[in-house]
Amino acid sequence: MAAVAANAVTHGRSPGQDFALRLTLTSESVRVEVTDTRPDRLPLAPGKLPELPLPEAGRGLLLVEALADRWGMGPRNPYTKTLWAEIDRASSYR
């Protein structure tokens, strides 16, 4: 998710506004949310990412899709969007 946060800093900011990172730990999973101020810039949906080879940049969501048990995105409000990923705690012990 570091790549997603870096992408929010690079492409998801509006002048004078930044991004937010939220981490949530439950007994079942770890959830990471990155919220930015560009709801007009939605990435490709889960399962719709391009095939390899990819250019040097743009691999963050491929890592998210490979490592997360679930992920998605959507508007939080009219001014922001949130990309989230969840990793089941049981799967981290595989």
C-alpha atoms as a PDB file:
ATOM      1  CA  MET A   1       0.000   0.000   0.000  1.00  0.00           C
ATOM      2  CA  ALA A   2       3.019   2.267   0.201  1.00  0.00           C
ATOM      3  CA  ALA A   3       2.860   2.502  -3.597  1.00  0.00           C
ATOM      4  CA  VAL A   4      -0.802   3.524  -3.397  1.00  0.00           C
ATOM      5  CA  ALA A   5       0.013   6.204  -0.809  1.00  0.00           C
ATOM      6  CA  ALA A   6       2.878   7.439  -3.001  1.00  0.00           C
ATOM      7  CA  ASN A   7       0.494   7.575  -5.946  1.00  0.00           C
ATOM      8  CA  ALA A   8      -1.978   9.614  -3.877  1.00  0.00           C
ATOM      9  CA  VAL A   9       0.794  12.099  -3.102  1.00  0.00           C
ATOM     10  CA  THR A  10       1.867  12.308  -6.750  1.00  0.00           C
ATOM     11  CA  HIS A  11      -1.457  12.224  -8.607  1.00  0.00           C
ATOM     12  CA  GLY A  12      -4.293  12.469  -6.094  1.00  0.00           C
ATOM     13  CA  ARG A  13      -3.814  15.834  -4.479  1.00  0.00           C
ATOM     14  CA  SER A  14      -5.621  19.054  -5.147  1.00  0.00           C
ATOM     15  CA  PRO A  15      -3.907  22.382  -4.384  1.00  0.00           C
ATOM     16  CA  GLY A  16      -3.906  22.950  -0.628  1.00  0.00           C
ATOM     17  CA  GLN A  17      -5.191  19.451   0.181  1.00  0.00           C
ATOM     18  CA  ASP A  18      -3.423  16.205   0.929  1.00  0.00           C
ATOM     19  CA  PHE A  19      -4.243  12.525   1.332  1.00  0.00           C
ATOM     20  CA  ALA A  20      -5.187  10.439   4.376  1.00  0.00           C
ATOM     21  CA  LEU A  21      -3.977   7.002   5.434  1.00  0.00           C
ATOM     22  CA  ARG A  22      -5.996   4.846   7.830  1.00  0.00           C
ATOM     23  CA  LEU A  23      -4.976   1.479   9.284  1.00  0.00           C
ATOM     24  CA  THR A  24      -7.495  -0.735  11.070  1.00  0.00           C
ATOM     25  CA  LEU A  25      -6.642  -3.949  12.902  1.00  0.00           C
ATOM     26  CA  THR A  26      -9.369  -6.391  13.899  1.00  0.00           C
ATOM     27  CA  SER A  27      -9.152  -9.950  15.122  1.00  0.00           C
ATOM     28  CA  GLU A  28      -9.843 -11.099  11.538  1.00  0.00           C
ATOM     29  CA  SER A  29      -7.963  -8.689   9.271  1.00  0.00           C
ATOM     30  CA  VAL A  30      -5.800  -5.662   8.668  1.00  0.00           C
ATOM     31  CA  ARG A  31      -7.423  -2.928   6.570  1.00  0.00           C
ATOM     32  CA  VAL A  32      -5.479  -0.148   4.871  1.00  0.00           C
ATOM     33  CA  GLU A  33      -7.311   2.847   3.372  1.00  0.00           C
ATOM     34  CA  VAL A  34      -5.807   5.651   1.301  1.00  0.00           C
ATOM     35  CA  THR A  35      -8.083   8.635   0.639  1.00  0.00           C
ATOM     36  CA  ASP A  36      -7.181  11.391  -1.819  1.00  0.00           C
ATOM     37  CA  THR A  37      -8.860  14.504  -3.171  1.00  0.00           C
ATOM     38  CA  ARG A  38      -9.213  13.426  -6.803  1.00  0.00           C
ATOM     39  CA  PRO A  39     -12.455  11.417  -7.058  1.00  0.00           C
ATOM     40  CA  ASP A  40     -12.351  11.965 -10.821  1.00  0.00           C
ATOM     41  CA  ARG A  41      -9.229   9.771 -11.127  1.00  0.00           C
ATOM     42  CA  LEU A  42     -10.357   6.211 -10.472  1.00  0.00           C
ATOM     43  CA  PRO A  43      -7.894   3.361 -11.022  1.00  0.00           C
ATOM     44  CA  LEU A  44      -8.888   0.147 -12.753  1.00  0.00           C
ATOM     45  CA  ALA A  45     -11.191  -2.093 -10.739  1.00  0.00           C
ATOM     46  CA  PRO A  46     -10.059  -5.319  -9.048  1.00  0.00           C
ATOM     47  CA  GLY A  47      -9.546  -8.063 -11.616  1.00  0.00           C
ATOM     48  CA  LYS A  48      -9.256  -5.532 -14.477  1.00  0.00           C
ATOM     49  CA  LEU A  49      -5.554  -4.715 -14.165  1.00  0.00           C
ATOM     50  CA  PRO A  50      -3.365  -5.029 -17.286  1.00  0.00           C
ATOM     51  CA  GLU A  51      -1.219  -8.050 -18.008  1.00  0.00           C
ATOM     52  CA  LEU A  52       2.541  -8.033 -17.667  1.00  0.00           C
ATOM     53  CA  PRO A  53       4.914  -6.657 -18.848  1.00  0.00           C
ATOM     54  CA  LEU A  54       4.201  -3.222 -17.481  1.00  0.00           C
ATOM     55  CA  PRO A  55       6.191  -0.028 -17.674  1.00  0.00           C
ATOM     56  CA  GLU A  56       8.505   0.692 -14.770  1.00  0.00           C
ATOM     57  CA  ALA A  57       5.827   2.758 -13.005  1.00  0.00           C
ATOM     58  CA  GLY A  58       2.229   1.757 -12.320  1.00  0.00           C
ATOM     59  CA  ARG A  59       2.731  -1.541 -10.523  1.00  0.00           C
ATOM     60  CA  GLY A  60       1.306  -0.567  -7.141  1.00  0.00           C
ATOM     61  CA  LEU A  61      -2.170  -1.947  -7.736  1.00  0.00           C
ATOM     62  CA  LEU A  62      -0.714  -5.192  -9.095  1.00  0.00           C
ATOM     63  CA  LEU A  63       1.046  -5.616  -5.753  1.00  0.00           C
ATOM     64  CA  VAL A  64      -2.161  -4.798  -3.900  1.00  0.00           C
ATOM     65  CA  GLU A  65      -4.104  -7.329  -5.957  1.00  0.00           C
ATOM     66  CA  ALA A  66      -1.446 -10.003  -5.442  1.00  0.00           C
ATOM     67  CA  LEU A  67      -1.113  -9.504  -1.679  1.00  0.00           C
ATOM     68  CA  ALA A  68      -4.578  -8.465  -0.494  1.00  0.00           C
ATOM     69  CA  ASP A  69      -7.435 -10.851   0.151  1.00  0.00           C
ATOM     70  CA  ARG A  70      -9.884  -8.110  -0.895  1.00  0.00           C
ATOM     71  CA  TRP A  71      -9.555  -4.597  -2.269  1.00  0.00           C
ATOM     72  CA  GLY A  72     -11.640  -1.960  -3.908  1.00  0.00           C
ATOM     73  CA  MET A  73     -12.281   1.725  -4.211  1.00  0.00           C
ATOM     74  CA  GLY A  74     -15.001   4.284  -4.381  1.00  0.00           C
ATOM     75  CA  PRO A  75     -16.013   7.799  -3.489  1.00  0.00           C
ATOM     76  CA  ARG A  76     -15.995   8.675   0.204  1.00  0.00           C
ATOM     77  CA  ASN A  77     -17.887  11.907  -0.498  1.00  0.00           C
ATOM     78  CA  PRO A  78     -18.190  14.235  -3.528  1.00  0.00           C
ATOM     79  CA  TYR A  79     -14.643  15.520  -2.965  1.00  0.00           C
ATOM     80  CA  THR A  80     -12.596  12.399  -2.183  1.00  0.00           C
ATOM     81  CA  LYS A  81     -12.118   8.761  -3.127  1.00  0.00           C
ATOM     82  CA  THR A  82     -10.752   5.906  -1.041  1.00  0.00           C
ATOM     83  CA  LEU A  83      -8.820   2.856  -2.130  1.00  0.00           C
ATOM     84  CA  TRP A  84      -8.850   0.098   0.489  1.00  0.00           C
ATOM     85  CA  ALA A  85      -7.255  -3.310   0.892  1.00  0.00           C
ATOM     86  CA  GLU A  86      -7.781  -6.029   3.485  1.00  0.00           C
ATOM     87  CA  ILE A  87      -5.441  -8.832   4.440  1.00  0.00           C
ATOM     88  CA  ASP A  88      -6.870 -11.629   6.534  1.00  0.00           C
ATOM     89  CA  ARG A  89      -4.721 -12.191   9.585  1.00  0.00           C
ATOM     90  CA  ALA A  90      -4.877 -15.957   9.087  1.00  0.00           C
ATOM     91  CA  SER A  91      -3.485 -15.579   5.543  1.00  0.00           C
ATOM     92  CA  SER A  92      -0.446 -13.683   6.818  1.00  0.00           C
ATOM     93  CA  TYR A  93       0.734 -16.926   8.456  1.00  0.00           C
ATOM     94  CA  ARG A  94       0.753 -18.977   5.218  1.00  0.00           C
END
